[in-house]
Amino acid sequence: MDDKIKRAERISLASMLIGVCTAPVWILLVVLNGVLEIPYILTILKFLPLAASLAGIVFWIVGLVQSIRKRSRSKKGIVFSVIGIILNLLTFCVTVLFWLLISAVSVFA
């Protein structure tokens, strides 16, 4: 019984950590591109946050479902899941806006 609670909390924590770590990694890549001229940086900046936020959303769904179940109800798991979904949806929206910005700039370039 206790193992199911811990597993639900770990999955929810993974979702939250993905949401927390995606933005700093994205900023780090932008700064490193200014210094090192990383090849294919635009492709990396387009798809890395998108893939990370989608993985975080999947972890959020799994963690929340497991945390809400009657046998493995975990308040920490629910809180981690809610924070994770907020951060991952925010990252997803910012990534889509970044795509739109890049598309708009390329049209006028």
N, C-alpha and C. Protein backbone atom coordinates (compact mmCIF):
# COMPACT_ATOMS: atom_id res chain seq x y z
N MET A 1 0.83 -1.19 0.00
CA MET A 1 0.00 0.00 0.00
C MET A 1 0.87 1.25 0.00
N ASP A 2 1.87 1.26 0.84
CA ASP A 2 2.75 2.42 0.94
C ASP A 2 3.57 2.60 -0.33
N ASP A 3 3.85 1.49 -1.02
CA ASP A 3 4.62 1.55 -2.26
C ASP A 3 3.83 2.26 -3.35
N LYS A 4 2.52 2.06 -3.40
CA LYS A 4 1.69 2.72 -4.41
C LYS A 4 1.65 4.23 -4.17
N ILE A 5 1.62 4.63 -2.92
CA ILE A 5 1.61 6.06 -2.59
C ILE A 5 2.92 6.70 -3.02
N LYS A 6 4.03 6.04 -2.69
CA LYS A 6 5.34 6.58 -3.05
C LYS A 6 5.51 6.66 -4.57
N ARG A 7 5.02 5.66 -5.29
CA ARG A 7 5.13 5.67 -6.74
C ARG A 7 4.31 6.81 -7.34
N ALA A 8 3.11 7.03 -6.82
CA ALA A 8 2.28 8.14 -7.31
C ALA A 8 2.95 9.48 -7.03
N GLU A 9 3.54 9.62 -5.84
CA GLU A 9 4.23 10.86 -5.50
C GLU A 9 5.46 11.08 -6.38
N ARG A 10 6.19 10.03 -6.69
CA ARG A 10 7.37 10.17 -7.55
C ARG A 10 7.01 10.56 -8.98
N ILE A 11 5.94 9.99 -9.50
CA ILE A 11 5.52 10.35 -10.86
C ILE A 11 5.05 11.80 -10.89
N SER A 12 4.30 12.21 -9.87
CA SER A 12 3.83 13.59 -9.80
C SER A 12 5.00 14.55 -9.63
N LEU A 13 5.98 14.16 -8.83
CA LEU A 13 7.18 14.98 -8.64
C LEU A 13 7.97 15.10 -9.94
N ALA A 14 8.02 14.03 -10.72
CA ALA A 14 8.70 14.08 -12.01
C ALA A 14 8.03 15.09 -12.94
N SER A 15 6.71 15.11 -12.92
CA SER A 15 5.98 16.09 -13.74
C SER A 15 6.32 17.51 -13.31
N MET A 16 6.35 17.74 -12.01
CA MET A 16 6.66 19.08 -11.51
C MET A 16 8.10 19.48 -11.86
N LEU A 17 9.04 18.55 -11.71
CA LEU A 17 10.44 18.86 -12.00
C LEU A 17 10.67 19.13 -13.49
N ILE A 18 9.95 18.43 -14.34
CA ILE A 18 10.06 18.72 -15.77
C ILE A 18 9.59 20.13 -16.05
N GLY A 19 8.49 20.51 -15.43
CA GLY A 19 7.98 21.87 -15.61
C GLY A 19 8.91 22.93 -15.07
N VAL A 20 9.57 22.63 -13.95
CA VAL A 20 10.48 23.60 -13.34
C VAL A 20 11.77 23.72 -14.14
N CYS A 21 12.27 22.64 -14.68
CA CYS A 21 13.59 22.64 -15.32
C CYS A 21 13.56 23.04 -16.80
N THR A 22 12.42 23.01 -17.43
CA THR A 22 12.38 23.29 -18.87
C THR A 22 12.74 24.73 -19.19
N ALA A 23 12.19 25.68 -18.47
CA ALA A 23 12.47 27.09 -18.76
C ALA A 23 13.94 27.46 -18.53
N PRO A 24 14.58 27.07 -17.42
CA PRO A 24 16.00 27.40 -17.27
C PRO A 24 16.89 26.77 -18.34
N VAL A 25 16.56 25.56 -18.76
CA VAL A 25 17.35 24.92 -19.83
C VAL A 25 17.17 25.69 -21.13
N TRP A 26 15.97 26.14 -21.42
CA TRP A 26 15.70 26.91 -22.62
C TRP A 26 16.48 28.23 -22.60
N ILE A 27 16.48 28.91 -21.47
CA ILE A 27 17.23 30.17 -21.32
C ILE A 27 18.73 29.90 -21.46
N LEU A 28 19.21 28.83 -20.87
CA LEU A 28 20.62 28.47 -20.98
C LEU A 28 21.02 28.22 -22.42
N LEU A 29 20.16 27.55 -23.18
CA LEU A 29 20.46 27.32 -24.59
C LEU A 29 20.52 28.61 -25.39
N VAL A 30 19.63 29.55 -25.09
CA VAL A 30 19.65 30.83 -25.79
C VAL A 30 20.94 31.58 -25.47
N VAL A 31 21.35 31.58 -24.20
CA VAL A 31 22.58 32.27 -23.80
C VAL A 31 23.80 31.59 -24.43
N LEU A 32 23.83 30.26 -24.40
CA LEU A 32 24.96 29.55 -25.01
C LEU A 32 25.02 29.77 -26.52
N ASN A 33 23.88 29.92 -27.16
CA ASN A 33 23.89 30.18 -28.59
C ASN A 33 24.53 31.53 -28.89
N GLY A 34 24.33 32.50 -28.02
CA GLY A 34 24.96 33.81 -28.20
C GLY A 34 26.47 33.74 -28.08
N VAL A 35 26.96 32.79 -27.31
CA VAL A 35 28.39 32.67 -27.08
C VAL A 35 29.04 31.68 -28.04
N LEU A 36 28.41 30.53 -28.26
CA LEU A 36 29.07 29.44 -28.99
C LEU A 36 28.55 29.19 -30.40
N GLU A 37 27.46 29.80 -30.82
CA GLU A 37 26.86 29.54 -32.13
C GLU A 37 26.59 28.05 -32.32
N ILE A 38 25.62 27.53 -31.58
CA ILE A 38 25.26 26.11 -31.62
C ILE A 38 24.54 25.82 -32.94
N PRO A 39 24.98 24.78 -33.68
CA PRO A 39 24.28 24.45 -34.92
C PRO A 39 22.89 23.88 -34.62
N TYR A 40 21.95 24.17 -35.49
CA TYR A 40 20.56 23.70 -35.37
C TYR A 40 19.89 24.17 -34.08
N ILE A 41 20.26 25.32 -33.56
CA ILE A 41 19.72 25.80 -32.29
C ILE A 41 18.23 26.10 -32.41
N LEU A 42 17.79 26.59 -33.55
CA LEU A 42 16.37 26.91 -33.70
C LEU A 42 15.51 25.65 -33.62
N THR A 43 15.98 24.58 -34.22
CA THR A 43 15.27 23.32 -34.15
C THR A 43 15.23 22.80 -32.72
N ILE A 44 16.34 22.92 -32.03
CA ILE A 44 16.40 22.48 -30.63
C ILE A 44 15.46 23.32 -29.78
N LEU A 45 15.47 24.63 -29.98
CA LEU A 45 14.61 25.52 -29.20
C LEU A 45 13.13 25.31 -29.52
N LYS A 46 12.82 24.82 -30.70
CA LYS A 46 11.44 24.56 -31.05
C LYS A 46 10.92 23.27 -30.44
N PHE A 47 11.72 22.21 -30.51
CA PHE A 47 11.20 20.89 -30.17
C PHE A 47 11.55 20.40 -28.77
N LEU A 48 12.64 20.86 -28.17
CA LEU A 48 13.00 20.40 -26.83
C LEU A 48 11.95 20.79 -25.78
N PRO A 49 11.54 22.06 -25.70
CA PRO A 49 10.52 22.40 -24.70
C PRO A 49 9.17 21.76 -25.00
N LEU A 50 8.86 21.59 -26.27
CA LEU A 50 7.59 20.95 -26.62
C LEU A 50 7.57 19.50 -26.16
N ALA A 51 8.65 18.77 -26.45
CA ALA A 51 8.73 17.37 -26.03
C ALA A 51 8.74 17.25 -24.51
N ALA A 52 9.47 18.14 -23.84
CA ALA A 52 9.52 18.10 -22.38
C ALA A 52 8.17 18.41 -21.76
N SER A 53 7.47 19.40 -22.29
CA SER A 53 6.17 19.74 -21.72
C SER A 53 5.14 18.65 -21.99
N LEU A 54 5.19 18.02 -23.15
CA LEU A 54 4.27 16.91 -23.42
C LEU A 54 4.57 15.72 -22.52
N ALA A 55 5.85 15.45 -22.25
CA ALA A 55 6.20 14.38 -21.31
C ALA A 55 5.72 14.73 -19.91
N GLY A 56 5.86 15.99 -19.53
CA GLY A 56 5.37 16.43 -18.22
C GLY A 56 3.87 16.30 -18.09
N ILE A 57 3.15 16.58 -19.19
CA ILE A 57 1.69 16.43 -19.16
C ILE A 57 1.29 14.96 -19.03
N VAL A 58 2.01 14.07 -19.70
CA VAL A 58 1.74 12.64 -19.56
C VAL A 58 2.01 12.19 -18.12
N PHE A 59 3.14 12.61 -17.56
CA PHE A 59 3.44 12.27 -16.17
C PHE A 59 2.39 12.85 -15.22
N TRP A 60 1.89 14.06 -15.55
CA TRP A 60 0.87 14.68 -14.73
C TRP A 60 -0.40 13.83 -14.71
N ILE A 61 -0.83 13.38 -15.87
CA ILE A 61 -2.05 12.57 -15.94
C ILE A 61 -1.89 11.28 -15.15
N VAL A 62 -0.78 10.58 -15.37
CA VAL A 62 -0.55 9.32 -14.67
C VAL A 62 -0.42 9.55 -13.16
N GLY A 63 0.35 10.56 -12.77
CA GLY A 63 0.54 10.84 -11.34
C GLY A 63 -0.73 11.28 -10.65
N LEU A 64 -1.53 12.09 -11.32
CA LEU A 64 -2.78 12.55 -10.71
C LEU A 64 -3.78 11.42 -10.57
N VAL A 65 -3.88 10.58 -11.59
CA VAL A 65 -4.81 9.45 -11.51
C VAL A 65 -4.40 8.52 -10.38
N GLN A 66 -3.10 8.25 -10.26
CA GLN A 66 -2.65 7.36 -9.20
C GLN A 66 -2.76 8.00 -7.82
N SER A 67 -2.63 9.32 -7.75
CA SER A 67 -2.72 10.00 -6.46
C SER A 67 -4.16 10.16 -5.98
N ILE A 68 -5.11 10.18 -6.90
CA ILE A 68 -6.51 10.38 -6.54
C ILE A 68 -7.18 9.06 -6.14
N ARG A 69 -6.66 7.95 -6.60
CA ARG A 69 -7.29 6.67 -6.29
C ARG A 69 -7.49 6.51 -4.78
N LYS A 70 -8.56 5.83 -4.44
CA LYS A 70 -8.93 5.70 -3.04
C LYS A 70 -7.86 4.97 -2.22
N ARG A 71 -7.27 3.94 -2.77
CA ARG A 71 -6.29 3.16 -2.02
C ARG A 71 -4.95 3.88 -1.87
N SER A 72 -4.61 4.69 -2.86
CA SER A 72 -3.30 5.35 -2.82
C SER A 72 -3.44 6.86 -2.77
N ARG A 73 -4.47 7.37 -2.10
CA ARG A 73 -4.69 8.82 -2.04
C ARG A 73 -3.49 9.50 -1.37
N SER A 74 -2.95 10.49 -2.06
CA SER A 74 -1.76 11.18 -1.57
C SER A 74 -1.92 12.67 -1.81
N LYS A 75 -1.93 13.45 -0.74
CA LYS A 75 -2.06 14.90 -0.89
C LYS A 75 -0.82 15.49 -1.56
N LYS A 76 0.35 14.98 -1.19
CA LYS A 76 1.57 15.49 -1.82
C LYS A 76 1.57 15.20 -3.32
N GLY A 77 1.11 14.03 -3.70
CA GLY A 77 1.05 13.68 -5.11
C GLY A 77 0.10 14.58 -5.88
N ILE A 78 -1.04 14.91 -5.26
CA ILE A 78 -2.00 15.80 -5.92
C ILE A 78 -1.43 17.20 -6.06
N VAL A 79 -0.76 17.69 -5.02
CA VAL A 79 -0.16 19.03 -5.08
C VAL A 79 0.94 19.08 -6.13
N PHE A 80 1.81 18.07 -6.14
CA PHE A 80 2.87 18.02 -7.15
C PHE A 80 2.28 17.98 -8.56
N SER A 81 1.20 17.22 -8.74
CA SER A 81 0.56 17.13 -10.05
C SER A 81 -0.03 18.46 -10.49
N VAL A 82 -0.67 19.17 -9.57
CA VAL A 82 -1.27 20.46 -9.93
C VAL A 82 -0.19 21.47 -10.30
N ILE A 83 0.87 21.53 -9.51
CA ILE A 83 1.97 22.43 -9.84
C ILE A 83 2.60 22.04 -11.17
N GLY A 84 2.77 20.74 -11.39
CA GLY A 84 3.36 20.24 -12.63
C GLY A 84 2.53 20.59 -13.85
N ILE A 85 1.21 20.47 -13.75
CA ILE A 85 0.39 20.77 -14.92
C ILE A 85 0.40 22.26 -15.22
N ILE A 86 0.42 23.09 -14.19
CA ILE A 86 0.47 24.53 -14.43
C ILE A 86 1.77 24.89 -15.15
N LEU A 87 2.88 24.39 -14.66
CA LEU A 87 4.17 24.71 -15.27
C LEU A 87 4.31 24.12 -16.67
N ASN A 88 3.84 22.89 -16.86
CA ASN A 88 3.96 22.27 -18.17
C ASN A 88 3.04 22.91 -19.20
N LEU A 89 1.84 23.29 -18.80
CA LEU A 89 0.97 24.00 -19.74
C LEU A 89 1.52 25.37 -20.08
N LEU A 90 2.12 26.03 -19.10
CA LEU A 90 2.75 27.33 -19.36
C LEU A 90 3.90 27.18 -20.34
N THR A 91 4.72 26.16 -20.14
CA THR A 91 5.84 25.90 -21.06
C THR A 91 5.33 25.58 -22.45
N PHE A 92 4.27 24.79 -22.52
CA PHE A 92 3.69 24.43 -23.82
C PHE A 92 3.19 25.68 -24.55
N CYS A 93 2.49 26.55 -23.84
CA CYS A 93 1.96 27.77 -24.45
C CYS A 93 3.09 28.70 -24.91
N VAL A 94 4.12 28.84 -24.10
CA VAL A 94 5.25 29.69 -24.48
C VAL A 94 5.96 29.12 -25.70
N THR A 95 6.08 27.81 -25.77
CA THR A 95 6.72 27.19 -26.92
C THR A 95 5.92 27.44 -28.19
N VAL A 96 4.61 27.32 -28.10
CA VAL A 96 3.76 27.57 -29.27
C VAL A 96 3.86 29.04 -29.68
N LEU A 97 3.88 29.94 -28.71
CA LEU A 97 4.05 31.36 -29.04
C LEU A 97 5.41 31.63 -29.68
N PHE A 98 6.43 30.93 -29.22
CA PHE A 98 7.76 31.04 -29.82
C PHE A 98 7.72 30.58 -31.28
N TRP A 99 7.02 29.49 -31.55
CA TRP A 99 6.87 29.01 -32.92
C TRP A 99 6.19 30.06 -33.79
N LEU A 100 5.13 30.66 -33.24
CA LEU A 100 4.41 31.68 -34.00
C LEU A 100 5.29 32.90 -34.25
N LEU A 101 6.09 33.29 -33.27
CA LEU A 101 6.99 34.41 -33.44
C LEU A 101 8.04 34.13 -34.51
N ILE A 102 8.61 32.95 -34.48
CA ILE A 102 9.61 32.57 -35.49
C ILE A 102 8.97 32.53 -36.87
N SER A 103 7.76 32.02 -36.96
CA SER A 103 7.06 31.98 -38.25
C SER A 103 6.78 33.38 -38.76
N ALA A 104 6.36 34.28 -37.89
CA ALA A 104 6.07 35.66 -38.30
C ALA A 104 7.33 36.37 -38.76
N VAL A 105 8.42 36.16 -38.05
CA VAL A 105 9.68 36.81 -38.43
C VAL A 105 10.17 36.27 -39.76
N SER A 106 10.01 34.97 -39.99
CA SER A 106 10.49 34.40 -41.25
C SER A 106 9.66 34.88 -42.44
N VAL A 107 8.39 35.22 -42.21
CA VAL A 107 7.55 35.72 -43.30
C VAL A 107 8.03 37.10 -43.73
N PHE A 108 8.40 37.94 -42.76
CA PHE A 108 8.82 39.29 -43.07
C PHE A 108 10.29 39.44 -43.36
N ALA A 109 11.06 38.37 -43.24
CA ALA A 109 12.50 38.46 -43.47
C ALA A 109 12.85 38.40 -44.93
